[in-house]
Protein backbone atom coordinates (compact mmCIF):
# COMPACT_ATOMS: atom_id res chain seq x y z
CA MET A 1 -6.05 0.09 75.00
CA SER A 2 -4.46 1.32 77.79
CA ASN A 3 -3.67 5.34 78.86
CA ASN A 4 0.02 5.88 78.13
CA VAL A 5 -0.38 9.51 80.02
CA HIS A 6 2.84 10.01 81.91
CA PRO A 7 2.23 11.91 84.58
CA ASP A 8 4.64 14.80 83.85
CA ASP A 9 2.31 15.67 80.98
CA SER A 10 -0.67 17.03 82.68
CA PRO A 11 -2.13 20.69 82.40
CA GLU A 12 -0.99 19.86 86.33
CA ALA A 13 2.59 19.39 86.33
CA PRO A 14 4.11 22.21 85.88
CA HIS A 15 2.33 23.10 89.66
CA ARG A 16 3.48 19.70 90.95
CA GLN A 17 7.10 20.24 89.75
CA TRP A 18 7.21 23.56 91.23
CA ASN A 19 5.93 22.62 94.58
CA GLU A 20 8.98 19.62 94.35
CA ILE A 21 11.53 22.44 93.36
CA LEU A 22 10.07 25.05 96.74
CA GLN A 23 10.02 21.47 98.58
CA GLU A 24 14.61 20.51 97.33
CA THR A 25 14.98 24.20 97.65
CA ARG A 26 13.61 24.43 101.88
CA VAL A 27 15.40 21.53 102.29
CA MET A 28 18.94 22.79 100.77
CA GLN A 29 18.59 26.13 102.01
CA THR A 30 18.48 25.47 105.66
CA GLY A 31 21.99 23.36 105.67
CA ILE A 32 23.17 26.47 103.96
CA GLN A 33 22.03 29.34 105.18
CA ILE A 34 23.40 27.53 108.84
CA LEU A 35 27.26 26.46 107.51
CA ALA A 36 27.04 30.23 105.84
CA ALA A 37 25.98 31.60 109.72
CA PHE A 38 29.11 29.16 111.20
CA LEU A 39 31.31 30.68 108.77
CA VAL A 40 30.86 34.39 109.33
CA ILE A 41 31.11 33.53 112.86
CA LEU A 42 34.53 32.56 112.30
CA PRO A 43 36.57 35.82 112.42
CA PHE A 44 35.36 36.57 115.94
CA GLN A 45 36.86 33.54 117.63
CA ALA A 46 40.71 34.25 118.85
CA ARG A 47 42.12 30.76 116.95
CA PHE A 48 40.78 32.93 113.19
CA THR A 49 44.25 35.65 113.74
CA MET A 50 46.33 32.50 113.80
CA LEU A 51 45.72 31.94 110.58
CA THR A 52 48.20 31.48 107.53
CA ASP A 53 47.67 34.22 104.09
CA VAL A 54 46.57 31.02 102.23
CA GLU A 55 43.28 29.92 104.74
CA GLU A 56 43.06 33.30 105.34
CA ILE A 57 41.87 33.08 101.35
CA LEU A 58 40.89 29.92 101.44
CA TYR A 59 38.77 31.19 104.57
CA VAL A 60 36.94 33.96 101.92
CA ILE A 61 36.60 31.97 99.61
CA LEU A 62 34.85 29.70 100.99
CA LEU A 63 32.82 32.61 102.72
CA VAL A 64 31.52 34.10 99.37
CA PHE A 65 30.47 30.88 97.87
CA SER A 66 28.39 29.78 100.77
CA ALA A 67 26.54 33.83 100.38
CA LEU A 68 26.62 33.46 96.59
CA LEU A 69 24.92 30.21 96.94
CA ILE A 70 22.16 31.31 99.44
CA VAL A 71 21.46 34.35 96.34
CA LEU A 72 21.38 31.80 93.82
CA MET A 73 18.78 29.87 95.94
CA LEU A 74 16.53 32.50 95.52
CA VAL A 75 16.43 33.16 91.72
CA PRO A 76 13.95 30.72 91.35
CA VAL A 77 11.33 32.11 93.66
CA LEU A 78 11.84 35.85 92.13
CA VAL A 79 11.63 34.67 88.79
CA HIS A 80 8.54 32.97 89.43
CA ARG A 81 7.63 36.33 90.82
CA TYR A 82 8.23 37.93 87.92
CA LEU A 83 6.79 35.52 86.17
CA PHE A 84 3.49 35.04 88.05
CA GLY A 85 0.33 35.27 86.20
CA GLN A 86 1.70 35.02 82.84
CA ARG A 87 1.47 31.62 82.05
CA LEU A 88 5.30 30.45 81.81
CA LYS A 89 5.16 27.90 84.65
CA ALA A 90 7.03 25.75 83.10
CA THR A 91 10.14 28.09 82.20
CA THR A 92 9.67 29.08 85.84
CA VAL A 93 9.99 25.43 86.21
CA LEU A 94 12.52 24.50 83.96
CA LEU A 95 14.79 27.18 85.19
CA GLY A 96 14.23 26.16 88.70
CA HIS A 97 15.44 22.61 87.79
CA ARG A 98 18.57 23.80 86.58
CA VAL A 99 19.27 26.56 89.86
CA VAL A 100 18.53 23.22 92.55
CA LYS A 101 20.46 21.09 90.26
CA VAL A 102 23.71 23.45 90.71
CA VAL A 103 22.52 24.65 94.04
CA GLY A 104 22.87 21.03 95.41
CA ILE A 105 26.28 20.19 93.80
CA SER A 106 27.70 23.48 94.69
CA ALA A 107 26.16 22.88 98.63
CA GLY A 108 28.13 19.76 98.36
CA LEU A 109 31.34 21.52 97.37
CA LEU A 110 30.73 23.65 100.08
CA VAL A 111 30.49 21.47 102.40
CA ALA A 112 33.61 19.87 101.86
CA GLY A 113 35.51 22.71 100.74
CA SER A 114 35.13 23.83 104.68
CA VAL A 115 35.83 20.34 105.98
CA TRP A 116 38.84 20.54 104.13
CA PHE A 117 39.37 24.29 105.78
CA VAL A 118 38.95 23.08 109.22
CA ILE A 119 41.56 19.79 108.83
CA GLN A 120 43.81 22.66 107.46
CA VAL A 121 43.11 24.64 110.53
CA LEU A 122 43.80 21.22 112.91
CA VAL A 123 46.45 19.23 111.23
CA GLY A 124 48.07 21.07 108.57
CA TRP A 125 48.72 20.90 104.73
CA PRO A 126 49.54 17.42 104.17
CA VAL A 127 46.61 15.74 105.48
CA SER A 128 44.19 17.93 104.79
CA VAL A 129 45.36 17.41 100.44
CA TYR A 130 44.53 14.15 100.65
CA VAL A 131 41.64 14.64 103.31
CA GLY A 132 40.01 16.93 101.56
CA GLY A 133 40.76 16.24 97.92
CA GLY A 134 39.60 13.01 98.49
CA LEU A 135 36.03 14.38 100.19
CA MET A 136 36.07 17.27 96.64
CA LEU A 137 35.74 13.25 94.93
CA ALA A 138 33.69 11.78 96.63
CA THR A 139 31.51 14.82 96.49
CA LEU A 140 31.70 15.15 92.73
CA PHE A 141 30.97 11.32 92.13
CA LEU A 142 28.09 11.04 94.62
CA LEU A 143 26.17 14.48 93.11
CA VAL A 144 27.24 14.38 89.92
CA LEU A 145 28.18 11.28 87.84
CA LEU A 146 26.19 8.75 90.39
CA PRO A 147 22.33 10.98 89.65
CA ARG A 148 23.95 9.98 85.38
CA LEU A 149 25.37 6.37 86.48
CA LEU A 150 21.69 5.40 88.11
CA THR A 151 19.52 7.36 85.37
CA PRO A 152 18.41 5.07 82.40
CA CYS A 153 19.23 6.51 78.97
CA GLY A 154 15.89 8.60 77.54
CA SER A 155 14.04 8.41 81.23
CA MET A 156 13.98 12.28 81.17
CA PRO A 157 12.24 14.26 79.29
CA GLU A 158 14.42 16.61 76.89
CA SER A 159 13.72 19.52 78.25
CA TYR A 160 15.53 18.92 81.97
CA ASP A 161 18.80 17.11 79.79
CA GLU A 162 19.89 20.46 78.59
CA GLY A 163 20.55 21.41 82.21
C-alpha cells in the first residue's frame, strides 16, 4: 500500500506554511517600503510644485495606499503575536495567506500606479492613460488571472480557496 499523506496534512505543516508566509512577506515588504520612501520624498523635490491638482490627488492616493500596504503587512505578524501559544497556528496561517495575496496584488497595482503617475508628470495625460492603463491591466492579469489559470481545479486545500 502506498502512503497518500499529503505534506500539508502533517502536524508540522502549519509551522512550515507560516515560515513560507513570513518569507514572502519579507520579500514584498522591502519593495513596498522602498517605493513608499520614494513617494514620501517627492514633495521635497523642486518639480513637485509644478503638479496640477489632479496630479497631486493621484500622488496622495499612491502615498496613502503605500502606507496602508505597509500596515497591512504587519497584520499577520501581530495576529500571530496575539494568538501565540493558543494552538491557533492554522488560523494565523489562513489569515497570513489571505493578507499575502491581497498585499501581492495591491503591491503590483501600487507599482503600476506609480509608473502611471511618473509618465503623467513627464509626458501628460494622453500617453499616461494608455501606458498606465495598459500596465494596470497587465498587472491584474499577471497577479490575479494567471495564477488562477495555472492552478489545476481542486489542487488547493478548501481553506485556501476561500481567500
